[in-house]
Amino acid sequence: MKTNRLGIPIIFLICLGSVLLLSVEIQEKYVVEPIDPVEETIEYHPPELFLNEDKSVYDQDSDGYVDIFEVTVYPPDDIYHDLGYINTNINYIAGSYSEDTLDPQARITLQIDGIDYEGTLELRGQSSRLLDQKSYKIKLFDDVNAFKGMRVLNLNKHYKDNFRIRNKLAYDVLEEMDNLIGLRTRFVRLYITEGGKRSDFGLFTLVEQPNKAFLSSHGLDADGQLYKAEFFEFLRYDGVLEASSSPLYSEENFNQHLEVRENPDHDKLVYLLESINDPKNNINDVITHHFSRENILSYVAINTLLDNYDSNSRNYLLYSPAYSHIWYFVLWDLDKTMREEEKEHWSFGVSNYWGVELFNRFFRDPDNVNLLVERVEEIYASFTPDKMTSRLETYAPIIQAHMIESVDYGYFKDDILDSRHRHPDLNTLDDFWDKYYELAYLPTENRERFYRNLEKPYPYFIHFEQDETAHFSWDLSFDMQGDAVTYTLLVASDAAMTDILYEETTGELSIELNTLPEGSRYYTIKATDEHGNQQLPFNQTLYDGTIYRGVEVID
């Protein structure tokens, strides 16, 4: 095994140095000219509250250590089930799943370092339940004798992460960050014994459960509000996100946007949403009154460097102390970070958050964009290739001993090495380690892409209606530099937009056609500024298992 190699040719390092110098030049030149404000200013100007997490909580965990979990499953009875039943009753159909309390459970004994814990085991996750290797949740019965202070143990398999370390790596770096709250993580090798047969389930990442115990152990307010974003764009959501005392309130409907984790007193949240969605309120005053600006900037900056694109309207937590009106973003579910994809679409940097009302208003102020540029540079100091390589070298022996030399390798081989049409660059284990160490350079690439994307117009939605004529329309594409933007309508017969049947460019926000060309099935509208920087719309189309970004169906 090659734990001390970079796996990167010398010529790549030379190119990387040139790119870094270019980045510094871009950063120095990048100053956004203010656009005349159109908002009124509200009266309150209280001082911002800074986030003080007790970082000593992370001293309980070691990045290079693996816990051996020995689980013994009790025989099923009227309440509990066997493992086969649990793995096949996934409670996930058509994008929705049951509450965890409704999932079938197995009664278990968990042994760690010779200590026995009694509890239950069930599936966890959403669409990951459909995968061959499952993720599990263990709930211990005893609050007092919990494992390292945790009674709920989330064991994440990260089946779609070839290296099984992205989530752990991201959270480990997060431990060093001010103005951000992290979650404790540990590597776990899981063995399950049932009916006298012991089976190896391979490598997992244990991720701390965000609950009262989590808040308390991190030095936060255990009585505070804690929500998990399911689909939340900081809109008002009248009739859905309401105070629990409202006759319109429905916990089920509420949880479709924000899952209530702790403290179901929603009055403060409703006040927040009304402030954000009132156009008379100056957004900077709203931020000062309701948020930590430092936390918001750090949240967007670290997600940008990690390319954590699935973090705009979901996969994060919102926390507010019960004694305060300030809200904080907490990162959650980081297994999709540092992936070599989505390189040219809008789902990166500021534009990734443009569909969220809070961020849309906040980043229309060029001063806030410039503050984000500064924060990206500050946080990047923890993501340099040298520091990333050092972390990867720490994890490499764990991957070798607990992923490659476990049951995981069989799944990896079947899904990756024997599927070369999907992974043409991962044909051998040498390829695996080369790609593994290249992870060290992805935050640097993401940093450069961040600067490039700042020059582009921002994304927008496109629309189509047909009666006597075919009417295409779209929202205004905001340009941070104030450049003139033109729009090009493309109509095609295929979702890949290779067979173009009609093309027209305009400076307006709509185009009307008397008739559509024969065979027209898909369309897109590209925005281009006066310097040639292009942007695609938010819309996307799924066809034959492939997502086509910026493309819509003509119907």
Protein backbone atom coordinates (compact mmCIF):
# COMPACT_ATOMS: atom_id res chain seq x y z
CA MET A 1 0.00 0.00 0.00
CA LYS A 2 1.23 3.51 -0.84
CA THR A 3 0.47 5.66 2.16
CA ASN A 4 3.24 8.20 1.59
CA ARG A 5 2.77 8.98 -2.07
CA LEU A 6 1.04 11.95 -3.58
CA GLY A 7 0.20 10.15 -6.78
CA ILE A 8 0.49 13.46 -8.67
CA PRO A 9 2.96 14.09 -11.51
CA ILE A 10 5.52 16.91 -11.15
CA ILE A 11 4.04 18.71 -14.13
CA PHE A 12 0.68 18.80 -12.32
CA LEU A 13 2.31 20.50 -9.33
CA ILE A 14 3.88 23.09 -11.63
CA CYS A 15 0.49 23.76 -13.20
CA LEU A 16 -1.09 23.95 -9.78
CA GLY A 17 1.41 26.63 -8.73
CA SER A 18 0.52 28.67 -11.79
CA VAL A 19 -3.17 28.35 -10.99
CA LEU A 20 -2.61 29.49 -7.40
CA LEU A 21 -0.75 32.59 -8.59
CA LEU A 22 -3.59 33.33 -10.99
CA SER A 23 -6.05 32.91 -8.12
CA VAL A 24 -4.25 35.53 -6.04
CA GLU A 25 -4.37 37.95 -8.96
CA ILE A 26 -8.09 37.27 -9.45
CA GLN A 27 -8.79 37.74 -5.76
CA GLU A 28 -6.93 41.08 -5.65
CA LYS A 29 -8.79 42.33 -8.72
CA TYR A 30 -12.17 41.05 -7.64
CA VAL A 31 -14.03 43.99 -6.14
CA VAL A 32 -17.75 44.18 -6.81
CA GLU A 33 -19.13 47.63 -7.48
CA PRO A 34 -22.15 48.41 -5.28
CA ILE A 35 -25.56 48.59 -6.91
CA ASP A 36 -27.90 51.34 -5.74
CA PRO A 37 -29.95 49.98 -2.82
CA VAL A 38 -33.71 49.88 -3.22
CA GLU A 39 -34.59 48.58 0.24
CA GLU A 40 -35.72 50.62 3.22
CA THR A 41 -33.86 50.33 6.51
CA ILE A 42 -35.56 48.99 9.60
CA GLU A 43 -34.79 50.41 13.01
CA TYR A 44 -33.13 47.69 15.06
CA HIS A 45 -29.31 47.39 15.11
CA PRO A 46 -28.43 45.04 17.98
CA PRO A 47 -24.85 43.72 18.17
CA GLU A 48 -24.12 40.39 16.50
CA LEU A 49 -23.73 37.38 18.75
CA PHE A 50 -20.78 35.13 18.01
CA LEU A 51 -20.99 31.37 18.18
CA ASN A 52 -19.01 29.75 20.99
CA GLU A 53 -18.87 25.99 20.63
CA ASP A 54 -16.98 23.98 23.24
CA LYS A 55 -14.34 22.46 20.96
CA SER A 56 -12.99 20.22 23.73
CA VAL A 57 -15.85 17.81 23.00
CA TYR A 58 -13.84 16.54 20.02
CA ASP A 59 -11.00 15.40 22.29
CA GLN A 60 -13.00 12.21 22.95
CA ASP A 61 -12.44 11.01 19.37
CA SER A 62 -9.34 10.04 17.40
CA ASP A 63 -9.18 10.49 13.62
CA GLY A 64 -6.94 7.46 13.14
CA TYR A 65 -8.74 4.99 15.44
CA VAL A 66 -11.35 2.37 14.53
CA ASP A 67 -13.91 1.08 17.04
CA ILE A 68 -14.85 -2.57 16.72
CA PHE A 69 -18.61 -2.96 17.21
CA GLU A 70 -19.78 -6.52 17.99
CA VAL A 71 -23.56 -6.69 17.65
CA THR A 72 -25.54 -9.76 18.69
CA VAL A 73 -29.15 -9.89 17.48
CA TYR A 74 -31.77 -11.42 19.78
CA PRO A 75 -34.29 -13.90 18.30
CA PRO A 76 -37.40 -12.10 17.00
CA ASP A 77 -40.56 -11.84 19.10
CA ASP A 78 -43.86 -9.93 18.99
CA ILE A 79 -42.04 -6.56 19.12
CA TYR A 80 -38.62 -7.05 17.58
CA HIS A 81 -37.52 -8.54 14.25
CA ASP A 82 -34.53 -10.30 12.75
CA LEU A 83 -31.95 -8.58 10.56
CA GLY A 84 -33.29 -10.00 7.31
CA TYR A 85 -36.70 -8.51 7.99
CA ILE A 86 -35.18 -5.13 8.80
CA ASN A 87 -33.05 -5.05 5.65
CA THR A 88 -36.00 -5.83 3.38
CA ASN A 89 -38.63 -3.60 5.03
CA ILE A 90 -37.07 -0.32 4.05
CA ASN A 91 -40.13 1.93 4.48
CA TYR A 92 -39.10 4.05 1.49
CA ILE A 93 -41.38 4.41 -1.51
CA ALA A 94 -41.48 7.14 -4.16
CA GLY A 95 -39.20 9.53 -2.29
CA SER A 96 -40.85 9.32 1.13
CA TYR A 97 -40.12 7.20 4.17
CA SER A 98 -41.62 6.49 7.57
CA GLU A 99 -40.58 8.17 10.77
CA ASP A 100 -37.69 6.34 12.48
CA THR A 101 -40.02 5.33 15.33
CA LEU A 102 -42.05 3.29 12.85
CA ASP A 103 -39.10 1.43 11.38
CA PRO A 104 -38.83 -2.26 12.35
CA GLN A 105 -36.22 -2.81 15.04
CA ALA A 106 -34.06 -5.68 16.24
CA ARG A 107 -33.23 -6.14 19.92
CA ILE A 108 -29.43 -6.30 20.27
CA THR A 109 -26.46 -6.41 22.59
CA LEU A 110 -23.60 -4.18 21.47
CA GLN A 111 -20.11 -4.94 22.77
CA ILE A 112 -17.30 -2.39 22.49
CA ASP A 113 -13.91 -2.94 24.16
CA GLY A 114 -15.42 -5.62 26.41
CA ILE A 115 -18.32 -3.45 27.60
CA ASP A 116 -21.88 -4.57 26.83
CA TYR A 117 -24.67 -2.14 25.90
CA GLU A 118 -28.31 -3.13 25.42
CA GLY A 119 -30.39 -1.49 22.71
CA THR A 120 -32.05 -1.73 19.30
CA LEU A 121 -30.89 -1.64 15.68
CA GLU A 122 -32.81 -0.26 12.69
CA LEU A 123 -32.19 1.18 9.23
CA ARG A 124 -31.33 4.84 8.81
CA GLY A 125 -31.17 7.25 5.88
CA GLN A 126 -33.52 7.88 2.98
CA SER A 127 -32.70 6.63 -0.53
CA SER A 128 -29.60 4.90 0.92
CA ARG A 129 -32.03 2.25 2.21
CA LEU A 130 -32.33 1.00 -1.37
CA LEU A 131 -28.60 0.27 -1.68
CA ASP A 132 -27.01 -3.15 -1.25
CA GLN A 133 -25.09 -2.08 1.85
CA LYS A 134 -27.31 -0.44 4.45
CA SER A 135 -26.71 2.23 7.06
CA TYR A 136 -27.95 1.57 10.58
CA LYS A 137 -29.06 3.39 13.70
CA ILE A 138 -28.37 1.88 17.13
CA LYS A 139 -30.34 3.21 20.10
CA LEU A 140 -28.98 2.33 23.53
CA PHE A 141 -31.43 1.82 26.39
CA ASP A 142 -29.22 3.29 29.12
CA ASP A 143 -28.79 7.08 29.17
CA VAL A 144 -26.21 6.94 31.95
CA ASN A 145 -23.84 4.37 30.45
CA ALA A 146 -23.95 5.68 26.90
CA PHE A 147 -21.02 5.11 24.53
CA LYS A 148 -18.70 8.13 24.81
CA GLY A 149 -21.72 10.18 25.91
CA MET A 150 -23.84 9.13 22.89
CA ARG A 151 -26.99 7.03 23.23
CA VAL A 152 -27.99 7.18 19.53
CA LEU A 153 -25.27 5.79 17.23
CA ASN A 154 -25.68 6.59 13.53
CA LEU A 155 -23.62 4.15 11.47
CA ASN A 156 -23.27 5.49 7.92
CA LYS A 157 -22.04 3.15 5.21
CA HIS A 158 -21.50 5.85 2.52
CA TYR A 159 -21.88 3.21 -0.16
CA LYS A 160 -21.58 5.72 -3.02
CA ASP A 161 -18.32 7.13 -1.67
CA ASN A 162 -15.61 5.01 -3.29
CA PHE A 163 -13.19 5.86 -0.47
CA ARG A 164 -15.66 5.81 2.46
CA ILE A 165 -13.92 8.74 4.18
CA ARG A 166 -15.39 11.95 2.74
CA ASN A 167 -17.89 12.52 5.54
CA LYS A 168 -15.28 11.84 8.24
CA LEU A 169 -12.66 14.00 6.57
CA ALA A 170 -15.01 16.98 6.21
CA TYR A 171 -16.17 16.83 9.82
CA ASP A 172 -12.62 16.43 11.09
CA VAL A 173 -11.59 19.65 9.33
CA LEU A 174 -14.73 21.33 10.62
CA GLU A 175 -13.56 20.75 14.19
CA GLU A 176 -10.96 23.49 13.67
CA MET A 177 -13.42 26.10 12.42
CA ASP A 178 -14.65 29.04 14.44
CA ASN A 179 -18.24 30.21 13.88
CA LEU A 180 -19.32 26.71 12.84
CA ILE A 181 -20.76 23.79 14.81
CA GLY A 182 -19.55 20.31 13.96
CA LEU A 183 -20.61 16.78 14.82
CA ARG A 184 -18.44 14.14 16.42
CA THR A 185 -17.43 11.26 14.13
CA ARG A 186 -15.66 7.94 14.63
CA PHE A 187 -14.67 5.09 12.30
CA VAL A 188 -16.42 1.79 13.13
CA ARG A 189 -15.86 -1.78 11.92
CA LEU A 190 -19.17 -3.59 12.38
CA TYR A 191 -19.68 -7.31 12.99
CA ILE A 192 -23.16 -8.76 13.49
CA THR A 193 -23.84 -12.16 15.03
CA GLU A 194 -27.27 -13.71 14.48
CA GLY A 195 -28.27 -17.32 15.12
CA GLY A 196 -24.68 -18.12 16.05
CA LYS A 197 -23.27 -16.86 12.71
CA ARG A 198 -20.89 -13.85 12.82
CA SER A 199 -20.79 -11.65 9.68
CA ASP A 200 -18.46 -8.82 8.70
CA PHE A 201 -20.32 -5.65 7.65
CA GLY A 202 -17.19 -3.59 6.97
CA LEU A 203 -16.33 0.05 7.62
CA PHE A 204 -18.83 2.67 8.80
CA THR A 205 -18.64 6.26 9.99
CA LEU A 206 -20.38 6.92 13.30
CA VAL A 207 -21.93 10.41 13.22
CA GLU A 208 -23.24 12.08 16.35
CA GLN A 209 -27.01 12.44 16.64
CA PRO A 210 -28.11 16.10 16.76
CA ASN A 211 -30.33 16.19 19.85
CA LYS A 212 -30.37 17.61 23.39
CA ALA A 213 -27.31 15.59 24.38
CA PHE A 214 -25.47 16.94 21.33
CA LEU A 215 -26.35 20.54 22.20
CA SER A 216 -25.33 20.12 25.81
CA SER A 217 -22.01 18.35 25.11
CA HIS A 218 -21.01 21.07 22.62
CA GLY A 219 -21.62 23.82 25.18
CA LEU A 220 -24.83 24.96 23.47
CA ASP A 221 -28.33 25.49 24.86
CA ALA A 222 -30.04 22.12 25.30
CA ASP A 223 -33.41 23.89 25.41
CA GLY A 224 -32.84 25.67 22.10
CA GLN A 225 -34.70 25.21 18.83
CA LEU A 226 -33.15 22.67 16.46
CA TYR A 227 -34.54 21.92 12.99
CA LYS A 228 -33.31 19.75 10.13
CA ALA A 229 -33.96 21.25 6.68
CA GLU A 230 -35.84 18.86 4.40
CA PHE A 231 -36.84 21.37 1.71
CA PHE A 232 -36.51 24.87 3.07
CA GLU A 233 -35.81 27.99 1.00
CA PHE A 234 -36.57 30.52 3.78
CA LEU A 235 -39.90 31.40 2.18
CA ARG A 236 -42.85 32.21 4.44
CA TYR A 237 -44.75 28.97 3.66
CA ASP A 238 -48.06 30.41 4.89
CA GLY A 239 -50.35 27.80 6.39
CA VAL A 240 -47.51 25.28 6.73
CA LEU A 241 -44.72 26.77 8.85
CA GLU A 242 -46.95 28.15 11.57
CA ALA A 243 -46.77 28.46 15.34
CA SER A 244 -47.84 25.28 17.11
CA SER A 245 -50.73 27.25 18.66
CA SER A 246 -52.10 28.20 15.21
CA PRO A 247 -55.26 26.39 14.01
CA LEU A 248 -53.42 25.89 10.69
CA TYR A 249 -50.53 24.02 12.30
CA SER A 250 -49.87 20.44 11.25
CA GLU A 251 -46.74 18.72 12.53
CA GLU A 252 -46.72 16.39 9.52
CA ASN A 253 -46.87 19.29 7.04
CA PHE A 254 -44.35 21.30 9.04
CA ASN A 255 -41.83 18.43 8.97
CA GLN A 256 -41.95 18.28 5.18
CA HIS A 257 -39.98 21.52 5.16
CA LEU A 258 -38.30 21.53 8.57
CA GLU A 259 -38.05 18.42 10.69
CA VAL A 260 -38.40 19.41 14.34
CA ARG A 261 -35.52 17.93 16.32
CA GLU A 262 -35.78 19.87 19.60
CA ASN A 263 -38.09 22.53 21.11
CA PRO A 264 -41.30 22.78 19.01
CA ASP A 265 -41.91 26.44 19.94
CA HIS A 266 -42.07 27.89 16.43
CA ASP A 267 -42.99 31.52 17.22
CA LYS A 268 -39.40 32.66 16.80
CA LEU A 269 -39.09 30.87 13.45
CA VAL A 270 -42.30 32.46 12.13
CA TYR A 271 -41.00 35.90 13.14
CA LEU A 272 -37.74 35.15 11.31
CA LEU A 273 -39.50 34.16 8.08
CA GLU A 274 -41.77 37.19 8.16
CA SER A 275 -38.72 39.45 8.54
CA ILE A 276 -36.85 37.82 5.65
CA ASN A 277 -39.82 37.89 3.29
CA ASP A 278 -40.83 41.50 3.96
CA PRO A 279 -39.26 43.45 1.03
CA LYS A 280 -39.35 46.66 3.08
CA ASN A 281 -36.75 45.24 5.48
CA ASN A 282 -33.12 45.87 4.62
CA ILE A 283 -31.59 42.39 4.42
CA ASN A 284 -28.42 43.41 6.25
CA ASP A 285 -30.45 44.58 9.22
CA VAL A 286 -32.41 41.31 9.12
CA ILE A 287 -29.12 39.39 9.19
CA THR A 288 -27.82 41.47 12.08
CA HIS A 289 -30.97 40.93 14.08
CA HIS A 290 -31.57 37.23 13.37
CA PHE A 291 -28.24 35.63 12.41
CA SER A 292 -24.53 35.56 12.99
CA ARG A 293 -23.04 37.03 9.81
CA GLU A 294 -19.81 35.18 10.61
CA ASN A 295 -21.66 31.87 10.75
CA ILE A 296 -23.46 32.46 7.43
CA LEU A 297 -20.25 33.42 5.64
CA SER A 298 -18.39 30.44 7.08
CA TYR A 299 -21.23 28.08 6.17
CA VAL A 300 -21.24 29.11 2.50
CA ALA A 301 -17.44 29.30 2.30
CA ILE A 302 -16.72 25.82 3.65
CA ASN A 303 -19.50 24.26 1.54
CA THR A 304 -17.97 25.97 -1.50
CA LEU A 305 -14.47 24.64 -0.81
CA LEU A 306 -15.90 21.17 -0.17
CA ASP A 307 -18.25 21.44 -3.19
CA ASN A 308 -21.08 20.38 -0.89
CA TYR A 309 -23.74 21.29 -3.45
CA ASP A 310 -26.55 19.45 -1.64
CA SER A 311 -26.62 22.12 1.08
CA ASN A 312 -28.83 24.93 -0.22
CA SER A 313 -32.40 23.92 0.70
CA ARG A 314 -31.72 20.70 2.63
CA ASN A 315 -29.12 18.71 4.55
CA TYR A 316 -28.33 21.25 7.22
CA LEU A 317 -29.56 22.07 10.72
CA LEU A 318 -30.84 25.36 12.09
CA TYR A 319 -30.13 26.05 15.76
CA SER A 320 -31.18 28.91 18.00
CA PRO A 321 -30.65 29.17 21.78
CA ALA A 322 -33.93 29.46 23.68
CA TYR A 323 -32.74 32.70 25.28
CA SER A 324 -31.72 34.34 21.97
CA HIS A 325 -33.20 35.45 18.65
CA ILE A 326 -30.03 34.46 16.74
CA TRP A 327 -30.03 31.47 14.37
CA TYR A 328 -27.01 29.38 13.33
CA PHE A 329 -26.38 27.00 10.43
CA VAL A 330 -25.03 23.56 11.36
CA LEU A 331 -23.52 21.36 8.64
CA TRP A 332 -25.09 17.91 8.22
CA ASP A 333 -24.58 14.96 5.86
CA LEU A 334 -21.23 15.69 4.19
CA ASP A 335 -20.78 12.46 2.23
CA LYS A 336 -21.35 14.25 -1.09
CA THR A 337 -18.40 16.58 -0.62
CA MET A 338 -15.25 16.73 -2.77
CA ARG A 339 -16.65 14.99 -5.82
CA GLU A 340 -15.44 15.50 -9.37
CA GLU A 341 -18.78 16.51 -10.84
CA GLU A 342 -21.11 19.49 -11.33
CA LYS A 343 -18.16 21.53 -12.58
CA GLU A 344 -19.94 23.90 -14.94
CA HIS A 345 -23.50 23.99 -13.64
CA TRP A 346 -24.98 26.63 -11.33
CA SER A 347 -24.82 24.37 -8.27
CA PHE A 348 -21.60 25.83 -6.93
CA GLY A 349 -20.57 28.84 -4.83
CA VAL A 350 -23.00 31.74 -4.47
CA SER A 351 -25.17 30.63 -7.37
CA ASN A 352 -25.88 27.33 -5.59
CA TYR A 353 -27.81 29.31 -2.96
CA TRP A 354 -29.50 31.74 -5.33
CA GLY A 355 -32.85 29.93 -5.16
CA VAL A 356 -32.99 30.41 -1.37
CA GLU A 357 -34.65 33.67 -0.36
CA LEU A 358 -32.27 34.43 2.51
CA PHE A 359 -29.09 33.98 0.47
CA ASN A 360 -30.55 35.55 -2.67
CA ARG A 361 -31.20 38.80 -0.83
CA PHE A 362 -28.00 38.66 1.23
CA PHE A 363 -25.65 38.17 -1.71
CA ARG A 364 -27.25 40.84 -3.87
CA ASP A 365 -25.24 43.22 -1.71
CA PRO A 366 -21.72 43.24 -3.23
CA ASP A 367 -20.20 44.05 0.16
CA ASN A 368 -21.43 40.68 1.41
CA VAL A 369 -19.92 38.93 -1.61
CA ASN A 370 -16.60 40.59 -0.88
CA LEU A 371 -16.84 39.41 2.73
CA LEU A 372 -17.44 35.90 1.41
CA VAL A 373 -14.30 36.16 -0.73
CA GLU A 374 -12.32 37.00 2.41
CA ARG A 375 -13.87 34.12 4.33
CA VAL A 376 -13.09 31.62 1.55
CA GLU A 377 -9.45 32.65 1.75
CA GLU A 378 -9.38 32.33 5.56
CA ILE A 379 -10.93 28.87 5.56
CA TYR A 380 -8.84 27.67 2.62
CA ALA A 381 -5.82 27.71 4.95
CA SER A 382 -7.19 24.43 6.39
CA PHE A 383 -7.67 22.90 2.93
CA THR A 384 -4.27 23.36 1.29
CA PRO A 385 -2.93 20.30 -0.58
CA ASP A 386 -0.30 19.67 2.12
CA LYS A 387 -2.83 19.64 4.94
CA MET A 388 -5.31 17.56 2.98
CA THR A 389 -2.60 15.03 2.03
CA SER A 390 -1.60 14.70 5.68
CA ARG A 391 -5.17 13.83 6.63
CA LEU A 392 -5.50 11.36 3.77
CA GLU A 393 -2.34 9.60 4.92
CA THR A 394 -3.89 9.24 8.37
CA TYR A 395 -6.96 7.51 6.91
CA ALA A 396 -5.12 5.33 4.35
CA PRO A 397 -4.20 2.47 6.74
CA ILE A 398 -7.83 2.43 7.96
CA ILE A 399 -9.14 2.09 4.40
CA GLN A 400 -6.64 -0.69 3.68
CA ALA A 401 -7.42 -2.71 6.82
CA HIS A 402 -11.14 -2.04 7.25
CA MET A 403 -12.49 -1.32 3.76
CA ILE A 404 -10.26 -3.07 1.23
CA GLU A 405 -9.58 -6.03 3.57
CA SER A 406 -13.24 -6.40 4.54
CA VAL A 407 -16.56 -7.29 2.95
CA ASP A 408 -16.64 -3.75 1.51
CA TYR A 409 -14.06 -4.63 -1.13
CA GLY A 410 -16.39 -7.15 -2.72
CA TYR A 411 -19.05 -4.49 -3.18
CA PHE A 412 -16.45 -2.01 -4.37
CA LYS A 413 -15.07 -4.50 -6.89
CA ASP A 414 -18.52 -5.40 -8.24
CA ASP A 415 -19.73 -1.81 -8.43
CA ILE A 416 -16.52 -0.06 -9.52
CA LEU A 417 -13.82 -2.33 -10.89
CA ASP A 418 -16.27 -4.51 -12.82
CA SER A 419 -18.25 -1.51 -14.14
CA ARG A 420 -15.60 0.19 -16.23
CA HIS A 421 -18.14 1.93 -18.43
CA ARG A 422 -19.17 3.98 -15.38
CA HIS A 423 -15.73 4.39 -13.79
CA PRO A 424 -13.15 4.21 -16.59
CA ASP A 425 -10.44 5.75 -14.36
CA LEU A 426 -10.77 3.13 -11.58
CA ASN A 427 -9.69 -0.15 -13.13
CA THR A 428 -7.20 -1.33 -10.51
CA LEU A 429 -6.31 -0.71 -6.87
CA ASP A 430 -3.40 1.44 -8.05
CA ASP A 431 -5.97 3.63 -9.80
CA PHE A 432 -7.93 3.68 -6.54
CA TRP A 433 -5.00 5.05 -4.54
CA ASP A 434 -4.09 7.57 -7.23
CA LYS A 435 -7.61 8.99 -7.20
CA TYR A 436 -7.67 8.84 -3.41
CA TYR A 437 -4.67 11.14 -3.03
CA GLU A 438 -5.98 13.47 -5.71
CA LEU A 439 -8.72 14.40 -3.24
CA ALA A 440 -6.11 16.63 -1.63
CA TYR A 441 -6.30 19.02 -4.60
CA LEU A 442 -10.07 19.30 -5.00
CA PRO A 443 -10.54 22.16 -2.48
CA THR A 444 -7.90 24.12 -4.39
CA GLU A 445 -9.76 23.51 -7.65
CA ASN A 446 -13.02 24.50 -5.97
CA ARG A 447 -11.44 27.73 -4.75
CA GLU A 448 -10.44 28.67 -8.29
CA ARG A 449 -13.86 27.75 -9.64
CA PHE A 450 -15.44 29.95 -6.97
CA TYR A 451 -13.67 32.99 -8.42
CA ARG A 452 -14.59 32.08 -11.98
CA ASN A 453 -18.25 31.62 -11.09
CA LEU A 454 -18.47 35.04 -9.45
CA GLU A 455 -18.14 36.56 -12.90
CA LYS A 456 -21.15 34.72 -14.30
CA PRO A 457 -24.77 35.87 -14.34
CA TYR A 458 -26.82 34.17 -11.63
CA PRO A 459 -29.28 31.30 -12.31
CA TYR A 460 -33.00 31.75 -12.93
CA PHE A 461 -36.15 29.76 -13.74
CA ILE A 462 -37.56 29.24 -17.25
CA HIS A 463 -41.22 28.73 -18.21
CA PHE A 464 -43.25 27.50 -21.19
CA GLU A 465 -46.92 27.91 -22.10
CA GLN A 466 -48.72 27.00 -25.30
CA ASP A 467 -52.15 27.98 -26.62
CA GLU A 468 -52.44 29.65 -29.99
CA THR A 469 -48.70 30.38 -29.80
CA ALA A 470 -45.68 28.90 -28.04
CA HIS A 471 -44.62 31.30 -25.28
CA PHE A 472 -41.17 30.97 -23.66
CA SER A 473 -40.35 33.19 -20.68
CA TRP A 474 -37.74 33.38 -17.92
CA ASP A 475 -36.79 35.32 -14.83
CA LEU A 476 -34.19 38.07 -14.86
CA SER A 477 -30.64 36.77 -14.48
CA PHE A 478 -28.93 38.99 -11.89
CA ASP A 479 -25.35 40.00 -12.75
CA MET A 480 -23.19 41.06 -9.81
CA GLN A 481 -21.03 43.35 -11.96
CA GLY A 482 -24.07 45.02 -13.52
CA ASP A 483 -23.20 43.71 -17.01
CA ALA A 484 -25.85 43.61 -19.71
CA VAL A 485 -27.25 40.09 -20.10
CA THR A 486 -28.74 38.51 -23.23
CA TYR A 487 -30.71 35.27 -23.43
CA THR A 488 -30.51 32.54 -26.06
CA LEU A 489 -33.46 30.20 -26.56
CA LEU A 490 -32.53 26.74 -27.85
CA VAL A 491 -35.17 24.22 -28.91
CA ALA A 492 -34.11 20.64 -29.60
CA SER A 493 -35.45 17.17 -30.25
CA ASP A 494 -33.26 15.56 -27.55
CA ALA A 495 -32.60 16.22 -23.86
CA ALA A 496 -28.85 16.47 -24.49
CA MET A 497 -29.60 19.48 -26.75
CA THR A 498 -27.46 18.18 -29.60
CA ASP A 499 -30.15 18.34 -32.33
CA ILE A 500 -30.99 22.06 -32.26
CA LEU A 501 -34.19 22.88 -34.16
CA TYR A 502 -34.50 26.58 -33.29
CA GLU A 503 -32.24 29.27 -31.83
CA GLU A 504 -32.90 32.94 -31.02
CA THR A 505 -31.09 35.54 -28.87
CA THR A 506 -32.77 38.50 -27.20
CA GLY A 507 -32.32 41.03 -24.43
CA GLU A 508 -35.94 40.63 -23.36
CA LEU A 509 -37.43 38.11 -20.92
CA SER A 510 -39.67 36.23 -23.33
CA ILE A 511 -39.91 34.89 -26.86
CA GLU A 512 -43.13 33.96 -28.64
CA LEU A 513 -43.30 31.59 -31.61
CA ASN A 514 -46.33 31.10 -33.83
CA THR A 515 -45.42 27.47 -34.39
CA LEU A 516 -42.79 25.10 -33.02
CA PRO A 517 -40.44 23.22 -35.35
CA GLU A 518 -41.50 19.64 -35.96
CA GLY A 519 -39.94 17.28 -33.42
CA SER A 520 -39.50 19.93 -30.70
CA ARG A 521 -39.37 18.23 -27.29
CA TYR A 522 -36.85 20.07 -25.09
CA TYR A 523 -35.61 23.61 -24.60
CA THR A 524 -33.21 25.71 -22.58
CA ILE A 525 -32.43 29.40 -22.28
CA LYS A 526 -28.80 30.38 -21.72
CA ALA A 527 -27.89 33.73 -20.15
CA THR A 528 -24.72 35.43 -21.38
CA ASP A 529 -23.16 38.65 -20.07
CA GLU A 530 -21.28 41.14 -22.22
CA HIS A 531 -17.97 39.39 -21.44
CA GLY A 532 -19.18 36.01 -22.67
CA ASN A 533 -19.77 34.43 -19.24
CA GLN A 534 -22.69 32.02 -19.46
CA GLN A 535 -25.21 30.63 -16.98
CA LEU A 536 -27.88 27.92 -17.15
CA PRO A 537 -31.33 28.00 -15.55
CA PHE A 538 -32.22 26.16 -12.34
CA ASN A 539 -34.50 23.79 -14.28
CA GLN A 540 -33.41 20.25 -15.04
CA THR A 541 -34.84 17.16 -16.72
CA LEU A 542 -34.42 13.49 -15.87
CA TYR A 543 -34.46 11.24 -18.93
CA ASP A 544 -33.43 7.60 -19.14
CA GLY A 545 -31.55 7.79 -15.84
CA THR A 546 -29.56 10.92 -16.76
CA ILE A 547 -30.10 14.43 -15.35
CA TYR A 548 -29.85 17.16 -17.98
CA ARG A 549 -29.02 20.45 -16.29
CA GLY A 550 -30.80 23.58 -17.41
CA VAL A 551 -33.13 21.68 -19.76
CA GLU A 552 -36.94 21.58 -19.64
CA VAL A 553 -39.55 19.53 -21.45
CA ILE A 554 -41.95 21.20 -23.87
CA ASP A 555 -45.42 20.11 -22.83
